[in-house]
Amino acid sequence: MELKTQTIKELKQIVEKDYGVLLSDEEAQEFGISMLKLTRLGLTAIARADEMKNSPVAARVSCTLEQNTSE
């Protein structure tokens, strides 16, 4: 995966402005790809958690037939 030249330039500007760190083109490329992978991983985890929450199997597991009283 390769980032566009303009994307690398913008990422370098953002990192410099927000963190005061100057990145080379190669560092910005690696950093940008790492951010994309991390974002994809997070979105996948959220989607899977949402699927589990909406799954009929998960609903059956979380819904017990025991009494809710202390008596």
PDB file of N, CA and C in Angstrom:
ATOM      1  N   MET A   1       0.849  -1.165   0.000  1.00  0.00           N
ATOM      2  CA  MET A   1       0.000   0.000   0.000  1.00  0.00           C
ATOM      3  C   MET A   1       0.900   1.236   0.000  1.00  0.00           C
ATOM      4  N   GLU A   2       0.553   2.187  -0.818  1.00  0.00           N
ATOM      5  CA  GLU A   2       1.318   3.433  -0.904  1.00  0.00           C
ATOM      6  C   GLU A   2       0.377   4.612  -0.759  1.00  0.00           C
ATOM      7  N   LEU A   3       0.797   5.611  -0.003  1.00  0.00           N
ATOM      8  CA  LEU A   3       0.016   6.836   0.132  1.00  0.00           C
ATOM      9  C   LEU A   3       0.376   7.787  -1.002  1.00  0.00           C
ATOM     10  N   LYS A   4      -0.594   8.593  -1.393  1.00  0.00           N
ATOM     11  CA  LYS A   4      -0.343   9.596  -2.433  1.00  0.00           C
ATOM     12  C   LYS A   4       0.622  10.656  -1.907  1.00  0.00           C
ATOM     13  N   THR A   5       1.336  11.275  -2.806  1.00  0.00           N
ATOM     14  CA  THR A   5       2.306  12.305  -2.447  1.00  0.00           C
ATOM     15  C   THR A   5       1.644  13.438  -1.670  1.00  0.00           C
ATOM     16  N   GLN A   6       0.477  13.861  -2.102  1.00  0.00           N
ATOM     17  CA  GLN A   6      -0.242  14.937  -1.415  1.00  0.00           C
ATOM     18  C   GLN A   6      -0.645  14.517  -0.006  1.00  0.00           C
ATOM     19  N   THR A   7      -1.032  13.267   0.161  1.00  0.00           N
ATOM     20  CA  THR A   7      -1.423  12.755   1.476  1.00  0.00           C
ATOM     21  C   THR A   7      -0.227  12.764   2.427  1.00  0.00           C
ATOM     22  N   ILE A   8       0.933  12.345   1.939  1.00  0.00           N
ATOM     23  CA  ILE A   8       2.149  12.359   2.748  1.00  0.00           C
ATOM     24  C   ILE A   8       2.485  13.780   3.166  1.00  0.00           C
ATOM     25  N   LYS A   9       2.379  14.700   2.229  1.00  0.00           N
ATOM     26  CA  LYS A   9       2.676  16.107   2.507  1.00  0.00           C
ATOM     27  C   LYS A   9       1.744  16.640   3.591  1.00  0.00           C
ATOM     28  N   GLU A  10       0.455  16.356   3.469  1.00  0.00           N
ATOM     29  CA  GLU A  10      -0.522  16.832   4.451  1.00  0.00           C
ATOM     30  C   GLU A  10      -0.283  16.196   5.822  1.00  0.00           C
ATOM     31  N   LEU A  11       0.035  14.920   5.843  1.00  0.00           N
ATOM     32  CA  LEU A  11       0.303  14.236   7.106  1.00  0.00           C
ATOM     33  C   LEU A  11       1.528  14.836   7.793  1.00  0.00           C
ATOM     34  N   LYS A  12       2.568  15.111   7.025  1.00  0.00           N
ATOM     35  CA  LYS A  12       3.767  15.733   7.584  1.00  0.00           C
ATOM     36  C   LYS A  12       3.444  17.094   8.191  1.00  0.00           C
ATOM     37  N   GLN A  13       2.597  17.885   7.513  1.00  0.00           N
ATOM     38  CA  GLN A  13       2.215  19.192   8.025  1.00  0.00           C
ATOM     39  C   GLN A  13       1.421  19.067   9.323  1.00  0.00           C
ATOM     40  N   ILE A  14       0.504  18.119   9.385  1.00  0.00           N
ATOM     41  CA  ILE A  14      -0.319  17.924  10.581  1.00  0.00           C
ATOM     42  C   ILE A  14       0.552  17.513  11.771  1.00  0.00           C
ATOM     43  N   VAL A  15       1.451  16.556  11.553  1.00  0.00           N
ATOM     44  CA  VAL A  15       2.317  16.078  12.636  1.00  0.00           C
ATOM     45  C   VAL A  15       3.236  17.196  13.118  1.00  0.00           C
ATOM     46  N   GLU A  16       3.765  17.975  12.186  1.00  0.00           N
ATOM     47  CA  GLU A  16       4.637  19.084  12.575  1.00  0.00           C
ATOM     48  C   GLU A  16       3.865  20.134  13.361  1.00  0.00           C
ATOM     49  N   LYS A  17       2.679  20.489  12.885  1.00  0.00           N
ATOM     50  CA  LYS A  17       1.882  21.527  13.545  1.00  0.00           C
ATOM     51  C   LYS A  17       1.419  21.073  14.925  1.00  0.00           C
ATOM     52  N   ASP A  18       0.906  19.847  15.028  1.00  0.00           N
ATOM     53  CA  ASP A  18       0.320  19.373  16.281  1.00  0.00           C
ATOM     54  C   ASP A  18       1.346  18.881  17.291  1.00  0.00           C
ATOM     55  N   TYR A  19       2.446  18.285  16.817  1.00  0.00           N
ATOM     56  CA  TYR A  19       3.408  17.662  17.725  1.00  0.00           C
ATOM     57  C   TYR A  19       4.814  18.227  17.645  1.00  0.00           C
ATOM     58  N   GLY A  20       5.064  19.109  16.686  1.00  0.00           N
ATOM     59  CA  GLY A  20       6.386  19.701  16.552  1.00  0.00           C
ATOM     60  C   GLY A  20       7.451  18.715  16.093  1.00  0.00           C
ATOM     61  N   VAL A  21       7.021  17.677  15.388  1.00  0.00           N
ATOM     62  CA  VAL A  21       7.944  16.637  14.926  1.00  0.00           C
ATOM     63  C   VAL A  21       8.017  16.688  13.399  1.00  0.00           C
ATOM     64  N   LEU A  22       9.251  16.737  12.894  1.00  0.00           N
ATOM     65  CA  LEU A  22       9.452  16.717  11.453  1.00  0.00           C
ATOM     66  C   LEU A  22       9.660  15.280  10.997  1.00  0.00           C
ATOM     67  N   LEU A  23       8.840  14.820  10.076  1.00  0.00           N
ATOM     68  CA  LEU A  23       8.966  13.468   9.539  1.00  0.00           C
ATOM     69  C   LEU A  23       9.529  13.517   8.128  1.00  0.00           C
ATOM     70  N   SER A  24      10.320  12.518   7.795  1.00  0.00           N
ATOM     71  CA  SER A  24      10.753  12.370   6.402  1.00  0.00           C
ATOM     72  C   SER A  24       9.575  11.795   5.615  1.00  0.00           C
ATOM     73  N   ASP A  25       9.690  11.791   4.304  1.00  0.00           N
ATOM     74  CA  ASP A  25       8.630  11.210   3.484  1.00  0.00           C
ATOM     75  C   ASP A  25       8.432   9.728   3.823  1.00  0.00           C
ATOM     76  N   GLU A  26       9.539   9.023   4.053  1.00  0.00           N
ATOM     77  CA  GLU A  26       9.452   7.596   4.369  1.00  0.00           C
ATOM     78  C   GLU A  26       8.775   7.367   5.720  1.00  0.00           C
ATOM     79  N   GLU A  27       9.121   8.194   6.707  1.00  0.00           N
ATOM     80  CA  GLU A  27       8.503   8.076   8.032  1.00  0.00           C
ATOM     81  C   GLU A  27       7.015   8.390   7.969  1.00  0.00           C
ATOM     82  N   ALA A  28       6.661   9.425   7.207  1.00  0.00           N
ATOM     83  CA  ALA A  28       5.253   9.781   7.061  1.00  0.00           C
ATOM     84  C   ALA A  28       4.485   8.667   6.345  1.00  0.00           C
ATOM     85  N   GLN A  29       5.110   8.057   5.359  1.00  0.00           N
ATOM     86  CA  GLN A  29       4.499   6.940   4.639  1.00  0.00           C
ATOM     87  C   GLN A  29       4.210   5.789   5.606  1.00  0.00           C
ATOM     88  N   GLU A  30       5.203   5.398   6.392  1.00  0.00           N
ATOM     89  CA  GLU A  30       5.048   4.299   7.344  1.00  0.00           C
ATOM     90  C   GLU A  30       4.014   4.641   8.420  1.00  0.00           C
ATOM     91  N   PHE A  31       4.079   5.868   8.920  1.00  0.00           N
ATOM     92  CA  PHE A  31       3.154   6.308   9.952  1.00  0.00           C
ATOM     93  C   PHE A  31       1.720   6.326   9.427  1.00  0.00           C
ATOM     94  N   GLY A  32       1.540   6.832   8.223  1.00  0.00           N
ATOM     95  CA  GLY A  32       0.208   6.885   7.627  1.00  0.00           C
ATOM     96  C   GLY A  32      -0.381   5.500   7.409  1.00  0.00           C
ATOM     97  N   ILE A  33       0.415   4.593   6.928  1.00  0.00           N
ATOM     98  CA  ILE A  33      -0.047   3.218   6.714  1.00  0.00           C
ATOM     99  C   ILE A  33      -0.392   2.567   8.059  1.00  0.00           C
ATOM    100  N   SER A  34       0.437   2.800   9.068  1.00  0.00           N
ATOM    101  CA  SER A  34       0.146   2.255  10.399  1.00  0.00           C
ATOM    102  C   SER A  34      -1.174   2.805  10.940  1.00  0.00           C
ATOM    103  N   MET A  35      -1.419   4.080  10.727  1.00  0.00           N
ATOM    104  CA  MET A  35      -2.681   4.680  11.179  1.00  0.00           C
ATOM    105  C   MET A  35      -3.874   4.063  10.453  1.00  0.00           C
ATOM    106  N   LEU A  36      -3.726   3.826   9.166  1.00  0.00           N
ATOM    107  CA  LEU A  36      -4.809   3.206   8.399  1.00  0.00           C
ATOM    108  C   LEU A  36      -5.085   1.786   8.877  1.00  0.00           C
ATOM    109  N   LYS A  37      -4.030   1.021   9.139  1.00  0.00           N
ATOM    110  CA  LYS A  37      -4.202  -0.345   9.632  1.00  0.00           C
ATOM    111  C   LYS A  37      -4.866  -0.358  11.006  1.00  0.00           C
ATOM    112  N   LEU A  38      -4.438   0.537  11.878  1.00  0.00           N
ATOM    113  CA  LEU A  38      -5.018   0.627  13.212  1.00  0.00           C
ATOM    114  C   LEU A  38      -6.486   1.030  13.146  1.00  0.00           C
ATOM    115  N   THR A  39      -6.817   1.964  12.264  1.00  0.00           N
ATOM    116  CA  THR A  39      -8.200   2.386  12.089  1.00  0.00           C
ATOM    117  C   THR A  39      -9.047   1.235  11.578  1.00  0.00           C
ATOM    118  N   ARG A  40      -8.545   0.498  10.604  1.00  0.00           N
ATOM    119  CA  ARG A  40      -9.270  -0.658  10.064  1.00  0.00           C
ATOM    120  C   ARG A  40      -9.508  -1.698  11.154  1.00  0.00           C
ATOM    121  N   LEU A  41      -8.498  -1.941  11.977  1.00  0.00           N
ATOM    122  CA  LEU A  41      -8.620  -2.899  13.070  1.00  0.00           C
ATOM    123  C   LEU A  41      -9.686  -2.452  14.073  1.00  0.00           C
ATOM    124  N   GLY A  42      -9.667  -1.183  14.415  1.00  0.00           N
ATOM    125  CA  GLY A  42     -10.661  -0.657  15.352  1.00  0.00           C
ATOM    126  C   GLY A  42     -12.065  -0.732  14.796  1.00  0.00           C
ATOM    127  N   LEU A  43     -12.244  -0.380  13.538  1.00  0.00           N
ATOM    128  CA  LEU A  43     -13.565  -0.431  12.921  1.00  0.00           C
ATOM    129  C   LEU A  43     -14.079  -1.864  12.827  1.00  0.00           C
ATOM    130  N   THR A  44     -13.180  -2.801  12.551  1.00  0.00           N
ATOM    131  CA  THR A  44     -13.567  -4.211  12.502  1.00  0.00           C
ATOM    132  C   THR A  44     -14.012  -4.684  13.880  1.00  0.00           C
ATOM    133  N   ALA A  45     -13.286  -4.303  14.909  1.00  0.00           N
ATOM    134  CA  ALA A  45     -13.648  -4.691  16.269  1.00  0.00           C
ATOM    135  C   ALA A  45     -15.004  -4.117  16.661  1.00  0.00           C
ATOM    136  N   ILE A  46     -15.262  -2.875  16.306  1.00  0.00           N
ATOM    137  CA  ILE A  46     -16.553  -2.254  16.604  1.00  0.00           C
ATOM    138  C   ILE A  46     -17.669  -2.960  15.860  1.00  0.00           C
ATOM    139  N   ALA A  47     -17.444  -3.283  14.590  1.00  0.00           N
ATOM    140  CA  ALA A  47     -18.465  -3.970  13.800  1.00  0.00           C
ATOM    141  C   ALA A  47     -18.765  -5.351  14.372  1.00  0.00           C
ATOM    142  N   ARG A  48     -17.730  -6.073  14.785  1.00  0.00           N
ATOM    143  CA  ARG A  48     -17.942  -7.406  15.365  1.00  0.00           C
ATOM    144  C   ARG A  48     -18.683  -7.315  16.695  1.00  0.00           C
ATOM    145  N   ALA A  49     -18.350  -6.330  17.502  1.00  0.00           N
ATOM    146  CA  ALA A  49     -19.047  -6.153  18.778  1.00  0.00           C
ATOM    147  C   ALA A  49     -20.511  -5.824  18.530  1.00  0.00           C
ATOM    148  N   ASP A  50     -20.771  -5.015  17.527  1.00  0.00           N
ATOM    149  CA  ASP A  50     -22.149  -4.661  17.185  1.00  0.00           C
ATOM    150  C   ASP A  50     -22.908  -5.881  16.680  1.00  0.00           C
ATOM    151  N   GLU A  51     -22.248  -6.721  15.888  1.00  0.00           N
ATOM    152  CA  GLU A  51     -22.877  -7.953  15.407  1.00  0.00           C
ATOM    153  C   GLU A  51     -23.232  -8.872  16.568  1.00  0.00           C
ATOM    154  N   MET A  52     -22.319  -8.988  17.524  1.00  0.00           N
ATOM    155  CA  MET A  52     -22.568  -9.840  18.687  1.00  0.00           C
ATOM    156  C   MET A  52     -23.729  -9.299  19.516  1.00  0.00           C
ATOM    157  N   LYS A  53     -23.798  -7.976  19.628  1.00  0.00           N
ATOM    158  CA  LYS A  53     -24.860  -7.351  20.416  1.00  0.00           C
ATOM    159  C   LYS A  53     -26.220  -7.586  19.767  1.00  0.00           C
ATOM    160  N   ASN A  54     -26.276  -7.589  18.449  1.00  0.00           N
ATOM    161  CA  ASN A  54     -27.530  -7.732  17.719  1.00  0.00           C
ATOM    162  C   ASN A  54     -27.834  -9.173  17.315  1.00  0.00           C
ATOM    163  N   SER A  55     -26.963 -10.094  17.671  1.00  0.00           N
ATOM    164  CA  SER A  55     -27.139 -11.494  17.306  1.00  0.00           C
ATOM    165  C   SER A  55     -28.204 -12.157  18.181  1.00  0.00           C
ATOM    166  N   PRO A  56     -29.091 -12.969  17.592  1.00  0.00           N
ATOM    167  CA  PRO A  56     -30.077 -13.671  18.400  1.00  0.00           C
ATOM    168  C   PRO A  56     -29.418 -14.622  19.395  1.00  0.00           C
ATOM    169  N   VAL A  57     -28.277 -15.177  19.052  1.00  0.00           N
ATOM    170  CA  VAL A  57     -27.568 -16.074  19.969  1.00  0.00           C
ATOM    171  C   VAL A  57     -27.099 -15.289  21.185  1.00  0.00           C
ATOM    172  N   ALA A  58     -26.529 -14.125  20.958  1.00  0.00           N
ATOM    173  CA  ALA A  58     -26.061 -13.303  22.077  1.00  0.00           C
ATOM    174  C   ALA A  58     -27.238 -12.871  22.939  1.00  0.00           C
ATOM    175  N   ALA A  59     -28.375 -12.576  22.329  1.00  0.00           N
ATOM    176  CA  ALA A  59     -29.553 -12.170  23.092  1.00  0.00           C
ATOM    177  C   ALA A  59     -30.013 -13.304  23.992  1.00  0.00           C
ATOM    178  N   ARG A  60     -29.987 -14.537  23.504  1.00  0.00           N
ATOM    179  CA  ARG A  60     -30.391 -15.682  24.317  1.00  0.00           C
ATOM    180  C   ARG A  60     -29.429 -15.900  25.474  1.00  0.00           C
ATOM    181  N   VAL A  61     -28.169 -15.688  25.246  1.00  0.00           N
ATOM    182  CA  VAL A  61     -27.179 -15.888  26.292  1.00  0.00           C
ATOM    183  C   VAL A  61     -27.329 -14.837  27.376  1.00  0.00           C
ATOM    184  N   SER A  62     -27.578 -13.602  26.992  1.00  0.00           N
ATOM    185  CA  SER A  62     -27.651 -12.526  27.972  1.00  0.00           C
ATOM    186  C   SER A  62     -29.001 -12.451  28.678  1.00  0.00           C
ATOM    187  N   CYS A  63     -29.994 -13.131  28.198  1.00  0.00           N
ATOM    188  CA  CYS A  63     -31.329 -13.085  28.766  1.00  0.00           C
ATOM    189  C   CYS A  63     -31.574 -14.370  29.565  1.00  0.00           C
ATOM    190  N   THR A  64     -31.518 -14.280  30.876  1.00  0.00           N
ATOM    191  CA  THR A  64     -31.715 -15.471  31.706  1.00  0.00           C
ATOM    192  C   THR A  64     -33.159 -15.588  32.111  1.00  0.00           C
ATOM    193  N   LEU A  65     -33.562 -16.792  32.532  1.00  0.00           N
ATOM    194  CA  LEU A  65     -34.933 -17.049  32.949  1.00  0.00           C
ATOM    195  C   LEU A  65     -35.053 -17.119  34.472  1.00  0.00           C
ATOM    196  N   GLU A  66     -34.026 -16.722  35.174  1.00  0.00           N
ATOM    197  CA  GLU A  66     -34.028 -16.742  36.621  1.00  0.00           C
ATOM    198  C   GLU A  66     -34.843 -15.577  37.168  1.00  0.00           C
ATOM    199  N   GLN A  67     -35.327 -15.729  38.385  1.00  0.00           N
ATOM    200  CA  GLN A  67     -36.092 -14.669  39.019  1.00  0.00           C
ATOM    201  C   GLN A  67     -35.208 -13.467  39.284  1.00  0.00           C
ATOM    202  N   ASN A  68     -35.793 -12.289  39.197  1.00  0.00           N
ATOM    203  CA  ASN A  68     -35.051 -11.063  39.446  1.00  0.00           C
ATOM    204  C   ASN A  68     -35.296 -10.524  40.843  1.00  0.00           C
ATOM    205  N   THR A  69     -35.954 -11.290  41.700  1.00  0.00           N
ATOM    206  CA  THR A  69     -36.238 -10.846  43.069  1.00  0.00           C
ATOM    207  C   THR A  69     -35.291 -11.525  44.038  1.00  0.00           C
ATOM    208  N   SER A  70     -35.170 -10.975  45.204  1.00  0.00           N
ATOM    209  CA  SER A  70     -34.283 -11.561  46.207  1.00  0.00           C
ATOM    210  C   SER A  70     -35.018 -12.567  47.086  1.00  0.00           C
ATOM    211  N   GLU A  71     -36.309 -12.729  46.921  1.00  0.00           N
ATOM    212  CA  GLU A  71     -37.092 -13.651  47.759  1.00  0.00           C
ATOM    213  C   GLU A  71     -36.951 -15.075  47.312  1.00  0.00           C
TER     214      GLU A  71
END
